Amino acid sequence: MTPQDVIDDVRVLINDTTITYRYSDTALLQFVNEAMGRIAVLRPDLFSTFGTVACTAGAVIQSAPTGSFRLMEVMRIQNGAAVVESNRETMDQNLPSWPSDTAAAASVWMRHPRDPNKFFIYPKAPSSQTLEIEYALSPVEVAIGGTLALPDVYLPVLVDCVVFLTQSIDNEHVNSGRAKLFYDSFTQALGVSGQNRIVTDTESGGLPEEATV
């Protein structure tokens, strides 16, 4: 899926298919890239990627790689054991000395409550420790013929968002509710697709075995 695919569909919906266009390709491309950012904020899971992070030796606070806007999971030491998630409050209560304990291979990680790109590990990192993580990668600006970092199935969602952005700067369409119509369609589609993951991505998400149609 390219920005041009989105722009072509948007032009039909906003009745802007005759040259000279009311909205240039450059303007619509800017809206496409902005829409990608909005989707990333609402559904960071759609931009997840796997990578590694080299720990800062002697520290319990670690940071996700450059380009990340949200840490999602710390899985394991590279080529080593799994790292289990806990939370800082539990560690503070059960092991108050955890921030100053001797450096060793990580066994526990904790999310930072106010910074989605930082996390805690226990014990503090020894030298040359690398962790395997999953994180949400910030979408980069794409040229009009470039490839967007979303599956083709999300084309209608992107189109709805770009149409909303074009209509939201026009008082007529704001007052008529047309801008809100496309905004609601955009957010509802993302919300429903997120809820569907409970059914599609978990073994307990389907109907109980005893359920009948």
N, C-alpha and C. Protein backbone atom coordinates (compact mmCIF):
# COMPACT_ATOMS: atom_id res chain seq x y z
N MET A 1 0.85 -1.19 0.00
CA MET A 1 0.00 0.00 0.00
C MET A 1 0.88 1.24 0.00
N THR A 2 0.62 2.16 -0.91
CA THR A 2 1.40 3.39 -1.02
C THR A 2 0.51 4.60 -0.69
N PRO A 3 1.11 5.74 -0.38
CA PRO A 3 0.31 6.95 -0.20
C PRO A 3 -0.54 7.27 -1.43
N GLN A 4 -0.04 6.96 -2.61
CA GLN A 4 -0.81 7.23 -3.81
C GLN A 4 -2.11 6.45 -3.83
N ASP A 5 -2.10 5.20 -3.33
CA ASP A 5 -3.33 4.41 -3.23
C ASP A 5 -4.36 5.12 -2.35
N VAL A 6 -3.88 5.65 -1.23
CA VAL A 6 -4.78 6.36 -0.30
C VAL A 6 -5.31 7.62 -0.96
N ILE A 7 -4.42 8.39 -1.57
CA ILE A 7 -4.80 9.67 -2.18
C ILE A 7 -5.83 9.47 -3.28
N ASP A 8 -5.66 8.42 -4.09
CA ASP A 8 -6.62 8.17 -5.17
C ASP A 8 -8.02 7.94 -4.63
N ASP A 9 -8.14 7.16 -3.55
CA ASP A 9 -9.45 6.91 -2.95
C ASP A 9 -10.01 8.15 -2.27
N VAL A 10 -9.13 8.92 -1.64
CA VAL A 10 -9.57 10.14 -0.96
C VAL A 10 -10.16 11.12 -1.97
N ARG A 11 -9.54 11.28 -3.11
CA ARG A 11 -10.01 12.24 -4.12
C ARG A 11 -11.44 11.92 -4.56
N VAL A 12 -11.77 10.65 -4.64
CA VAL A 12 -13.14 10.28 -5.02
C VAL A 12 -14.12 10.72 -3.94
N LEU A 13 -13.77 10.49 -2.68
CA LEU A 13 -14.69 10.79 -1.58
C LEU A 13 -14.85 12.29 -1.34
N ILE A 14 -13.83 13.08 -1.67
CA ILE A 14 -13.95 14.52 -1.46
C ILE A 14 -14.27 15.26 -2.77
N ASN A 15 -14.58 14.48 -3.80
CA ASN A 15 -14.96 15.06 -5.10
C ASN A 15 -13.88 16.02 -5.61
N ASP A 16 -12.66 15.52 -5.64
CA ASP A 16 -11.53 16.33 -6.08
C ASP A 16 -10.72 15.54 -7.11
N THR A 17 -11.38 15.14 -8.19
CA THR A 17 -10.75 14.27 -9.19
C THR A 17 -10.42 14.99 -10.49
N THR A 18 -10.79 16.26 -10.57
CA THR A 18 -10.57 17.01 -11.81
C THR A 18 -9.43 18.00 -11.63
N ILE A 19 -8.47 17.93 -12.55
CA ILE A 19 -7.37 18.90 -12.52
C ILE A 19 -7.93 20.27 -12.95
N THR A 20 -7.59 21.39 -12.32
CA THR A 20 -6.63 21.51 -11.25
C THR A 20 -7.27 21.15 -9.90
N TYR A 21 -6.55 20.32 -9.12
CA TYR A 21 -7.08 19.85 -7.85
C TYR A 21 -7.21 20.98 -6.83
N ARG A 22 -8.21 20.81 -5.95
CA ARG A 22 -8.31 21.71 -4.79
C ARG A 22 -7.22 21.39 -3.77
N TYR A 23 -6.91 20.09 -3.64
CA TYR A 23 -5.85 19.65 -2.73
C TYR A 23 -4.73 19.05 -3.57
N SER A 24 -3.54 19.59 -3.46
CA SER A 24 -2.41 19.06 -4.22
C SER A 24 -2.00 17.69 -3.67
N ASP A 25 -1.29 16.94 -4.48
CA ASP A 25 -0.75 15.67 -3.99
C ASP A 25 0.16 15.89 -2.79
N THR A 26 0.90 16.99 -2.79
CA THR A 26 1.80 17.29 -1.67
C THR A 26 1.02 17.48 -0.38
N ALA A 27 -0.10 18.20 -0.46
CA ALA A 27 -0.93 18.43 0.74
C ALA A 27 -1.54 17.13 1.23
N LEU A 28 -2.05 16.32 0.31
CA LEU A 28 -2.66 15.05 0.70
C LEU A 28 -1.62 14.07 1.24
N LEU A 29 -0.42 14.10 0.69
CA LEU A 29 0.65 13.25 1.20
C LEU A 29 0.97 13.61 2.65
N GLN A 30 0.96 14.91 2.95
CA GLN A 30 1.19 15.33 4.33
C GLN A 30 0.10 14.78 5.25
N PHE A 31 -1.15 14.78 4.77
CA PHE A 31 -2.25 14.23 5.57
C PHE A 31 -2.09 12.72 5.75
N VAL A 32 -1.62 12.03 4.72
CA VAL A 32 -1.41 10.57 4.83
C VAL A 32 -0.38 10.28 5.92
N ASN A 33 0.73 11.00 5.92
CA ASN A 33 1.75 10.77 6.94
C ASN A 33 1.25 11.14 8.33
N GLU A 34 0.43 12.20 8.41
CA GLU A 34 -0.17 12.55 9.70
C GLU A 34 -1.13 11.46 10.16
N ALA A 35 -1.89 10.90 9.23
CA ALA A 35 -2.81 9.81 9.58
C ALA A 35 -2.06 8.61 10.13
N MET A 36 -0.91 8.31 9.55
CA MET A 36 -0.10 7.20 10.07
C MET A 36 0.30 7.45 11.51
N GLY A 37 0.65 8.69 11.83
CA GLY A 37 0.99 9.03 13.20
C GLY A 37 -0.18 8.88 14.14
N ARG A 38 -1.36 9.28 13.69
CA ARG A 38 -2.56 9.14 14.52
C ARG A 38 -2.88 7.67 14.78
N ILE A 39 -2.72 6.84 13.76
CA ILE A 39 -2.97 5.41 13.93
C ILE A 39 -1.97 4.82 14.92
N ALA A 40 -0.72 5.24 14.83
CA ALA A 40 0.30 4.72 15.73
C ALA A 40 -0.03 5.05 17.19
N VAL A 41 -0.54 6.24 17.44
CA VAL A 41 -0.91 6.62 18.81
C VAL A 41 -2.06 5.76 19.32
N LEU A 42 -3.05 5.52 18.46
CA LEU A 42 -4.23 4.77 18.88
C LEU A 42 -3.99 3.26 18.92
N ARG A 43 -3.16 2.76 18.01
CA ARG A 43 -2.91 1.32 17.92
C ARG A 43 -1.42 1.05 17.75
N PRO A 44 -0.64 1.26 18.81
CA PRO A 44 0.80 1.03 18.70
C PRO A 44 1.16 -0.40 18.34
N ASP A 45 0.26 -1.35 18.63
CA ASP A 45 0.54 -2.74 18.31
C ASP A 45 0.69 -2.96 16.80
N LEU A 46 0.07 -2.10 15.99
CA LEU A 46 0.18 -2.24 14.54
C LEU A 46 1.57 -1.86 14.03
N PHE A 47 2.38 -1.27 14.88
CA PHE A 47 3.72 -0.83 14.48
C PHE A 47 4.79 -1.55 15.30
N SER A 48 4.44 -2.70 15.84
CA SER A 48 5.39 -3.42 16.68
C SER A 48 6.49 -4.07 15.84
N THR A 49 7.66 -4.13 16.43
CA THR A 49 8.80 -4.78 15.79
C THR A 49 9.66 -5.41 16.87
N PHE A 50 10.47 -6.36 16.48
CA PHE A 50 11.36 -7.03 17.43
C PHE A 50 12.79 -6.53 17.21
N GLY A 51 13.50 -6.37 18.30
CA GLY A 51 14.87 -5.91 18.20
C GLY A 51 15.62 -6.20 19.48
N THR A 52 16.77 -5.59 19.61
CA THR A 52 17.59 -5.77 20.79
C THR A 52 17.97 -4.41 21.35
N VAL A 53 18.29 -4.41 22.63
CA VAL A 53 18.77 -3.20 23.27
C VAL A 53 19.96 -3.57 24.14
N ALA A 54 21.06 -2.85 23.96
CA ALA A 54 22.25 -3.04 24.78
C ALA A 54 22.05 -2.29 26.09
N CYS A 55 22.11 -3.01 27.19
CA CYS A 55 21.84 -2.40 28.50
C CYS A 55 22.98 -1.46 28.90
N THR A 56 22.62 -0.45 29.66
CA THR A 56 23.60 0.42 30.28
C THR A 56 24.14 -0.28 31.52
N ALA A 57 25.41 -0.62 31.52
CA ALA A 57 26.01 -1.38 32.61
C ALA A 57 25.89 -0.63 33.93
N GLY A 58 25.55 -1.38 34.99
CA GLY A 58 25.47 -0.80 36.32
C GLY A 58 24.21 -0.03 36.61
N ALA A 59 23.23 -0.07 35.68
CA ALA A 59 21.99 0.69 35.85
C ALA A 59 20.79 -0.24 35.90
N VAL A 60 19.76 0.20 36.63
CA VAL A 60 18.49 -0.55 36.63
C VAL A 60 17.50 0.06 35.63
N ILE A 61 17.66 1.34 35.31
CA ILE A 61 16.79 1.98 34.32
C ILE A 61 17.42 1.85 32.95
N GLN A 62 16.64 1.31 32.01
CA GLN A 62 17.11 1.10 30.65
C GLN A 62 16.15 1.79 29.69
N SER A 63 16.58 1.98 28.45
CA SER A 63 15.78 2.69 27.46
C SER A 63 15.59 1.84 26.21
N ALA A 64 14.43 1.99 25.59
CA ALA A 64 14.15 1.34 24.31
C ALA A 64 15.01 1.98 23.22
N PRO A 65 15.16 1.32 22.07
CA PRO A 65 16.04 1.85 21.01
C PRO A 65 15.51 3.14 20.41
N THR A 66 16.39 3.85 19.73
CA THR A 66 16.00 5.04 18.98
C THR A 66 14.94 4.67 17.95
N GLY A 67 13.93 5.50 17.84
CA GLY A 67 12.83 5.22 16.92
C GLY A 67 11.64 4.60 17.59
N SER A 68 11.81 4.10 18.81
CA SER A 68 10.69 3.53 19.55
C SER A 68 9.85 4.64 20.17
N PHE A 69 8.53 4.44 20.18
CA PHE A 69 7.70 5.36 20.95
C PHE A 69 6.95 4.65 22.07
N ARG A 70 7.09 3.32 22.15
CA ARG A 70 6.49 2.58 23.27
C ARG A 70 7.14 1.20 23.37
N LEU A 71 7.69 0.90 24.54
CA LEU A 71 8.16 -0.44 24.81
C LEU A 71 6.95 -1.33 25.03
N MET A 72 6.96 -2.52 24.42
CA MET A 72 5.82 -3.42 24.56
C MET A 72 6.16 -4.65 25.40
N GLU A 73 7.36 -5.19 25.23
CA GLU A 73 7.69 -6.43 25.93
C GLU A 73 9.21 -6.58 25.99
N VAL A 74 9.69 -7.02 27.15
CA VAL A 74 11.07 -7.50 27.27
C VAL A 74 10.97 -9.01 27.38
N MET A 75 11.60 -9.72 26.45
CA MET A 75 11.39 -11.17 26.37
C MET A 75 12.48 -11.98 27.05
N ARG A 76 13.73 -11.69 26.69
CA ARG A 76 14.80 -12.53 27.22
C ARG A 76 16.15 -11.84 27.04
N ILE A 77 17.13 -12.38 27.74
CA ILE A 77 18.51 -12.01 27.46
C ILE A 77 18.88 -12.64 26.12
N GLN A 78 19.56 -11.89 25.28
CA GLN A 78 19.93 -12.44 23.98
C GLN A 78 20.74 -13.72 24.17
N ASN A 79 20.24 -14.79 23.54
CA ASN A 79 20.86 -16.12 23.65
C ASN A 79 20.89 -16.62 25.09
N GLY A 80 19.90 -16.15 25.88
CA GLY A 80 19.89 -16.55 27.28
C GLY A 80 18.49 -16.79 27.80
N ALA A 81 18.34 -16.64 29.10
CA ALA A 81 17.09 -16.97 29.79
C ALA A 81 16.03 -15.89 29.59
N ALA A 82 14.77 -16.30 29.81
CA ALA A 82 13.65 -15.38 29.74
C ALA A 82 13.72 -14.38 30.90
N VAL A 83 13.12 -13.20 30.66
CA VAL A 83 13.03 -12.16 31.69
C VAL A 83 11.55 -11.98 32.01
N VAL A 84 11.19 -12.10 33.28
CA VAL A 84 9.79 -12.10 33.71
C VAL A 84 9.35 -10.69 34.07
N GLU A 85 8.13 -10.33 33.68
CA GLU A 85 7.61 -9.00 34.01
C GLU A 85 7.06 -8.96 35.43
N SER A 86 7.37 -7.90 36.14
CA SER A 86 6.79 -7.61 37.44
C SER A 86 6.44 -6.13 37.46
N ASN A 87 6.27 -5.54 38.63
CA ASN A 87 6.06 -4.09 38.71
C ASN A 87 6.87 -3.54 39.87
N ARG A 88 7.17 -2.27 39.79
CA ARG A 88 8.10 -1.66 40.75
C ARG A 88 7.55 -1.70 42.16
N GLU A 89 6.25 -1.52 42.33
CA GLU A 89 5.67 -1.53 43.68
C GLU A 89 5.89 -2.87 44.36
N THR A 90 5.69 -3.96 43.61
CA THR A 90 5.90 -5.30 44.18
C THR A 90 7.36 -5.49 44.57
N MET A 91 8.28 -5.07 43.71
CA MET A 91 9.69 -5.20 44.03
C MET A 91 10.07 -4.36 45.25
N ASP A 92 9.52 -3.14 45.33
CA ASP A 92 9.83 -2.27 46.48
C ASP A 92 9.37 -2.90 47.79
N GLN A 93 8.22 -3.55 47.76
CA GLN A 93 7.67 -4.14 48.98
C GLN A 93 8.40 -5.43 49.38
N ASN A 94 8.71 -6.26 48.39
CA ASN A 94 9.26 -7.58 48.69
C ASN A 94 10.78 -7.63 48.70
N LEU A 95 11.41 -6.69 48.02
CA LEU A 95 12.87 -6.68 47.95
C LEU A 95 13.35 -5.23 47.86
N PRO A 96 13.26 -4.49 48.98
CA PRO A 96 13.57 -3.06 48.95
C PRO A 96 14.98 -2.75 48.45
N SER A 97 15.88 -3.69 48.54
CA SER A 97 17.27 -3.44 48.14
C SER A 97 17.50 -3.65 46.65
N TRP A 98 16.45 -3.95 45.89
CA TRP A 98 16.66 -4.38 44.50
C TRP A 98 17.44 -3.36 43.64
N PRO A 99 17.27 -2.03 43.83
CA PRO A 99 18.01 -1.12 42.95
C PRO A 99 19.52 -1.16 43.17
N SER A 100 19.96 -1.59 44.35
CA SER A 100 21.39 -1.55 44.66
C SER A 100 22.04 -2.92 44.76
N ASP A 101 21.28 -3.97 44.52
CA ASP A 101 21.85 -5.32 44.55
C ASP A 101 22.93 -5.47 43.48
N THR A 102 23.79 -6.44 43.68
CA THR A 102 24.91 -6.66 42.78
C THR A 102 24.43 -6.94 41.35
N ALA A 103 25.16 -6.38 40.40
CA ALA A 103 24.82 -6.58 38.99
C ALA A 103 24.91 -8.06 38.63
N ALA A 104 23.95 -8.50 37.82
CA ALA A 104 23.91 -9.90 37.37
C ALA A 104 22.95 -9.98 36.19
N ALA A 105 22.85 -11.15 35.61
CA ALA A 105 21.95 -11.34 34.47
C ALA A 105 20.52 -10.98 34.87
N ALA A 106 19.83 -10.25 34.01
CA ALA A 106 18.46 -9.80 34.30
C ALA A 106 17.53 -11.00 34.46
N SER A 107 16.66 -10.92 35.47
CA SER A 107 15.64 -11.95 35.66
C SER A 107 14.23 -11.37 35.70
N VAL A 108 14.15 -10.05 35.97
CA VAL A 108 12.85 -9.37 36.10
C VAL A 108 12.94 -8.04 35.36
N TRP A 109 11.82 -7.64 34.72
CA TRP A 109 11.74 -6.30 34.16
C TRP A 109 10.42 -5.66 34.59
N MET A 110 10.41 -4.33 34.67
CA MET A 110 9.25 -3.57 35.12
C MET A 110 9.05 -2.36 34.22
N ARG A 111 7.81 -2.06 33.91
CA ARG A 111 7.51 -0.88 33.09
C ARG A 111 7.71 0.40 33.90
N HIS A 112 8.14 1.44 33.21
CA HIS A 112 8.24 2.75 33.84
C HIS A 112 6.85 3.38 33.82
N PRO A 113 6.33 3.83 34.97
CA PRO A 113 4.94 4.28 35.02
C PRO A 113 4.65 5.55 34.24
N ARG A 114 5.68 6.37 33.95
CA ARG A 114 5.43 7.66 33.30
C ARG A 114 6.23 7.85 32.01
N ASP A 115 7.02 6.88 31.64
CA ASP A 115 7.80 6.99 30.40
C ASP A 115 7.68 5.67 29.64
N PRO A 116 6.89 5.64 28.57
CA PRO A 116 6.66 4.38 27.86
C PRO A 116 7.88 3.84 27.14
N ASN A 117 8.97 4.62 27.09
CA ASN A 117 10.18 4.16 26.41
C ASN A 117 11.28 3.73 27.37
N LYS A 118 11.01 3.76 28.66
CA LYS A 118 12.00 3.34 29.65
C LYS A 118 11.44 2.17 30.46
N PHE A 119 12.35 1.40 31.03
CA PHE A 119 11.94 0.27 31.86
C PHE A 119 13.02 -0.03 32.89
N PHE A 120 12.63 -0.76 33.92
CA PHE A 120 13.56 -1.17 34.97
C PHE A 120 13.90 -2.65 34.79
N ILE A 121 15.11 -3.02 35.18
CA ILE A 121 15.46 -4.43 35.23
C ILE A 121 16.02 -4.76 36.61
N TYR A 122 15.93 -6.02 36.95
CA TYR A 122 16.55 -6.53 38.19
C TYR A 122 17.25 -7.83 37.87
N PRO A 123 18.48 -7.98 38.35
CA PRO A 123 19.34 -6.98 38.99
C PRO A 123 19.83 -5.95 37.97
N LYS A 124 20.59 -4.96 38.49
CA LYS A 124 21.15 -3.98 37.56
C LYS A 124 22.08 -4.67 36.58
N ALA A 125 22.26 -4.05 35.43
CA ALA A 125 22.90 -4.72 34.31
C ALA A 125 24.40 -4.91 34.51
N PRO A 126 24.89 -6.11 34.19
CA PRO A 126 26.33 -6.29 34.10
C PRO A 126 26.83 -5.71 32.77
N SER A 127 28.10 -5.76 32.53
CA SER A 127 28.62 -5.27 31.25
C SER A 127 28.24 -6.23 30.14
N SER A 128 28.01 -5.67 28.96
CA SER A 128 27.76 -6.45 27.73
C SER A 128 26.50 -7.31 27.81
N GLN A 129 25.47 -6.82 28.45
CA GLN A 129 24.18 -7.54 28.45
C GLN A 129 23.27 -6.94 27.39
N THR A 130 22.69 -7.80 26.56
CA THR A 130 21.76 -7.37 25.52
C THR A 130 20.44 -8.09 25.71
N LEU A 131 19.35 -7.33 25.62
CA LEU A 131 18.02 -7.90 25.80
C LEU A 131 17.27 -7.93 24.47
N GLU A 132 16.46 -8.96 24.28
CA GLU A 132 15.57 -9.04 23.13
C GLU A 132 14.22 -8.46 23.54
N ILE A 133 13.73 -7.49 22.78
CA ILE A 133 12.51 -6.78 23.16
C ILE A 133 11.57 -6.65 21.96
N GLU A 134 10.32 -6.29 22.28
CA GLU A 134 9.35 -5.89 21.27
C GLU A 134 8.95 -4.46 21.59
N TYR A 135 8.90 -3.62 20.55
CA TYR A 135 8.56 -2.22 20.78
C TYR A 135 7.83 -1.67 19.57
N ALA A 136 7.13 -0.56 19.77
CA ALA A 136 6.40 0.11 18.69
C ALA A 136 7.33 1.11 18.03
N LEU A 137 7.51 0.95 16.72
CA LEU A 137 8.44 1.79 15.97
C LEU A 137 7.70 2.96 15.35
N SER A 138 8.17 4.17 15.60
CA SER A 138 7.53 5.36 15.05
C SER A 138 7.48 5.29 13.53
N PRO A 139 6.31 5.54 12.92
CA PRO A 139 6.25 5.53 11.47
C PRO A 139 7.06 6.69 10.89
N VAL A 140 7.82 6.40 9.85
CA VAL A 140 8.62 7.43 9.19
C VAL A 140 7.81 8.05 8.06
N GLU A 141 8.15 9.29 7.71
CA GLU A 141 7.47 9.93 6.58
C GLU A 141 7.78 9.18 5.29
N VAL A 142 6.75 8.95 4.50
CA VAL A 142 6.89 8.15 3.28
C VAL A 142 6.60 9.04 2.08
N ALA A 143 7.38 8.86 1.02
CA ALA A 143 7.14 9.57 -0.23
C ALA A 143 5.90 9.01 -0.91
N ILE A 144 5.38 9.70 -1.89
CA ILE A 144 4.10 9.35 -2.47
C ILE A 144 4.09 7.95 -3.09
N GLY A 145 5.23 7.49 -3.56
CA GLY A 145 5.30 6.15 -4.14
C GLY A 145 5.90 5.12 -3.20
N GLY A 146 6.19 5.54 -1.97
CA GLY A 146 6.79 4.62 -1.00
C GLY A 146 5.79 3.65 -0.42
N THR A 147 6.28 2.73 0.40
CA THR A 147 5.43 1.71 1.00
C THR A 147 5.08 2.10 2.42
N LEU A 148 3.79 2.09 2.74
CA LEU A 148 3.32 2.40 4.09
C LEU A 148 3.45 1.16 4.98
N ALA A 149 3.77 1.41 6.24
CA ALA A 149 4.03 0.32 7.18
C ALA A 149 2.75 -0.23 7.80
N LEU A 150 1.77 -0.51 6.94
CA LEU A 150 0.51 -1.13 7.36
C LEU A 150 0.07 -2.10 6.28
N PRO A 151 -0.60 -3.19 6.65
CA PRO A 151 -1.15 -4.10 5.65
C PRO A 151 -2.21 -3.40 4.79
N ASP A 152 -2.41 -3.92 3.58
CA ASP A 152 -3.38 -3.32 2.66
C ASP A 152 -4.78 -3.23 3.24
N VAL A 153 -5.12 -4.14 4.15
CA VAL A 153 -6.47 -4.17 4.70
C VAL A 153 -6.81 -2.88 5.45
N TYR A 154 -5.80 -2.11 5.84
CA TYR A 154 -6.03 -0.85 6.56
C TYR A 154 -6.19 0.34 5.62
N LEU A 155 -6.26 0.09 4.32
CA LEU A 155 -6.48 1.19 3.38
C LEU A 155 -7.73 2.01 3.70
N PRO A 156 -8.91 1.38 3.94
CA PRO A 156 -10.10 2.20 4.26
C PRO A 156 -9.94 3.04 5.52
N VAL A 157 -9.19 2.52 6.49
CA VAL A 157 -8.97 3.27 7.73
C VAL A 157 -8.15 4.53 7.46
N LEU A 158 -7.09 4.37 6.68
CA LEU A 158 -6.28 5.52 6.31
C LEU A 158 -7.07 6.53 5.49
N VAL A 159 -7.87 6.03 4.57
CA VAL A 159 -8.68 6.91 3.73
C VAL A 159 -9.63 7.73 4.60
N ASP A 160 -10.32 7.07 5.54
CA ASP A 160 -11.24 7.78 6.43
C ASP A 160 -10.53 8.89 7.19
N CYS A 161 -9.32 8.61 7.68
CA CYS A 161 -8.60 9.61 8.46
C CYS A 161 -8.18 10.79 7.58
N VAL A 162 -7.70 10.51 6.38
CA VAL A 162 -7.26 11.60 5.50
C VAL A 162 -8.46 12.43 5.06
N VAL A 163 -9.58 11.79 4.77
CA VAL A 163 -10.78 12.56 4.42
C VAL A 163 -11.18 13.45 5.59
N PHE A 164 -11.16 12.90 6.81
CA PHE A 164 -11.47 13.70 7.99
C PHE A 164 -10.56 14.92 8.06
N LEU A 165 -9.26 14.74 7.82
CA LEU A 165 -8.32 15.86 7.91
C LEU A 165 -8.61 16.92 6.86
N THR A 166 -8.97 16.50 5.66
CA THR A 166 -9.29 17.49 4.63
C THR A 166 -10.58 18.24 4.96
N GLN A 167 -11.57 17.52 5.50
CA GLN A 167 -12.85 18.15 5.79
C GLN A 167 -12.82 19.00 7.06
N SER A 168 -11.89 18.69 7.96
CA SER A 168 -11.85 19.41 9.24
C SER A 168 -11.33 20.84 9.09
N ILE A 169 -10.72 21.16 7.95
CA ILE A 169 -10.26 22.53 7.74
C ILE A 169 -11.25 23.34 6.92
N ASP A 170 -12.41 22.76 6.69
CA ASP A 170 -13.46 23.41 5.91
C ASP A 170 -14.67 23.59 6.82
N ASN A 171 -15.01 24.85 7.15
CA ASN A 171 -16.11 25.10 8.08
C ASN A 171 -17.42 24.49 7.63
N GLU A 172 -17.64 24.46 6.32
CA GLU A 172 -18.88 23.89 5.80
C GLU A 172 -19.01 22.43 6.20
N HIS A 173 -17.93 21.67 6.06
CA HIS A 173 -17.98 20.24 6.35
C HIS A 173 -17.92 19.97 7.85
N VAL A 174 -17.31 20.88 8.60
CA VAL A 174 -17.35 20.75 10.05
C VAL A 174 -18.77 20.95 10.54
N ASN A 175 -19.42 22.00 10.07
CA ASN A 175 -20.78 22.31 10.50
C ASN A 175 -21.79 21.27 10.04
N SER A 176 -21.57 20.69 8.88
CA SER A 176 -22.51 19.69 8.37
C SER A 176 -22.34 18.33 9.05
N GLY A 177 -21.25 18.14 9.77
CA GLY A 177 -20.99 16.85 10.42
C GLY A 177 -20.22 15.88 9.55
N ARG A 178 -19.89 16.28 8.32
CA ARG A 178 -19.17 15.36 7.43
C ARG A 178 -17.78 15.02 7.97
N ALA A 179 -17.09 16.00 8.52
CA ALA A 179 -15.77 15.73 9.09
C ALA A 179 -15.88 14.72 10.23
N LYS A 180 -16.85 14.92 11.12
CA LYS A 180 -17.03 14.01 12.25
C LYS A 180 -17.43 12.61 11.77
N LEU A 181 -18.20 12.53 10.71
CA LEU A 181 -18.61 11.24 10.17
C LEU A 181 -17.39 10.38 9.82
N PHE A 182 -16.43 10.99 9.16
CA PHE A 182 -15.24 10.22 8.77
C PHE A 182 -14.32 9.99 9.95
N TYR A 183 -14.28 10.94 10.89
CA TYR A 183 -13.47 10.72 12.09
C TYR A 183 -14.02 9.55 12.89
N ASP A 184 -15.33 9.51 13.05
CA ASP A 184 -15.95 8.41 13.81
C ASP A 184 -15.71 7.07 13.12
N SER A 185 -15.82 7.06 11.80
CA SER A 185 -15.57 5.83 11.06
C SER A 185 -14.12 5.37 11.25
N PHE A 186 -13.21 6.31 11.24
CA PHE A 186 -11.78 6.01 11.43
C PHE A 186 -11.52 5.40 12.81
N THR A 187 -11.99 6.07 13.87
CA THR A 187 -11.70 5.59 15.23
C THR A 187 -12.45 4.31 15.54
N GLN A 188 -13.68 4.17 15.05
CA GLN A 188 -14.45 2.96 15.32
C GLN A 188 -13.81 1.74 14.65
N ALA A 189 -13.31 1.91 13.43
CA ALA A 189 -12.66 0.79 12.74
C ALA A 189 -11.42 0.33 13.51
N LEU A 190 -10.63 1.28 13.99
CA LEU A 190 -9.45 0.91 14.77
C LEU A 190 -9.84 0.25 16.08
N GLY A 191 -10.89 0.78 16.73
CA GLY A 191 -11.33 0.21 18.00
C GLY A 191 -11.84 -1.22 17.85
N VAL A 192 -12.64 -1.44 16.81
CA VAL A 192 -13.19 -2.78 16.58
C VAL A 192 -12.07 -3.76 16.24
N SER A 193 -11.12 -3.34 15.42
CA SER A 193 -10.03 -4.24 15.06
C SER A 193 -9.19 -4.59 16.29
N GLY A 194 -9.07 -3.63 17.21
CA GLY A 194 -8.35 -3.92 18.45
C GLY A 194 -9.10 -4.89 19.33
N GLN A 195 -10.42 -4.72 19.44
CA GLN A 195 -11.24 -5.64 20.24
C GLN A 195 -11.23 -7.04 19.66
N ASN A 196 -11.16 -7.14 18.34
CA ASN A 196 -11.18 -8.45 17.70
C ASN A 196 -9.97 -9.29 18.05
N ARG A 197 -8.89 -8.64 18.48
CA ARG A 197 -7.70 -9.40 18.83
C ARG A 197 -7.95 -10.30 20.04
N ILE A 198 -8.90 -9.92 20.89
CA ILE A 198 -9.23 -10.75 22.03
C ILE A 198 -9.78 -12.09 21.55
N VAL A 199 -10.52 -12.06 20.46
CA VAL A 199 -11.10 -13.28 19.91
C VAL A 199 -10.10 -14.03 19.04
N THR A 200 -9.36 -13.31 18.22
CA THR A 200 -8.50 -13.98 17.23
C THR A 200 -7.13 -14.37 17.77
N ASP A 201 -6.64 -13.67 18.79
CA ASP A 201 -5.25 -13.88 19.22
C ASP A 201 -5.11 -14.57 20.56
N THR A 202 -6.20 -15.02 21.15
CA THR A 202 -6.12 -15.74 22.43
C THR A 202 -6.92 -17.03 22.33
N GLU A 203 -6.40 -18.07 22.98
CA GLU A 203 -7.09 -19.36 22.94
C GLU A 203 -8.43 -19.30 23.65
N SER A 204 -8.54 -18.41 24.63
CA SER A 204 -9.79 -18.31 25.38
C SER A 204 -10.77 -17.34 24.74
N GLY A 205 -10.42 -16.79 23.60
CA GLY A 205 -11.25 -15.74 22.99
C GLY A 205 -12.45 -16.25 22.25
N GLY A 206 -12.44 -17.52 21.83
CA GLY A 206 -13.56 -18.06 21.09
C GLY A 206 -14.71 -18.45 21.98
N LEU A 207 -15.73 -19.05 21.38
CA LEU A 207 -16.87 -19.51 22.15
C LEU A 207 -16.49 -20.68 23.04
N PRO A 208 -17.08 -20.81 24.23
CA PRO A 208 -16.83 -21.99 25.05
C PRO A 208 -17.18 -23.26 24.29
N GLU A 209 -16.51 -24.36 24.64
CA GLU A 209 -16.73 -25.62 23.92
C GLU A 209 -18.18 -26.06 23.99
N GLU A 210 -18.85 -25.75 25.10
CA GLU A 210 -20.22 -26.21 25.23
C GLU A 210 -21.22 -25.31 24.54
N ALA A 211 -20.75 -24.17 24.01
CA ALA A 211 -21.67 -23.23 23.38
C ALA A 211 -22.21 -23.83 22.07
N THR A 212 -23.45 -23.55 21.80
CA THR A 212 -24.07 -24.02 20.55
C THR A 212 -24.60 -22.84 19.77
N VAL A 213 -24.69 -22.99 18.48
CA VAL A 213 -25.19 -21.92 17.62
C VAL A 213 -26.72 -21.92 17.66
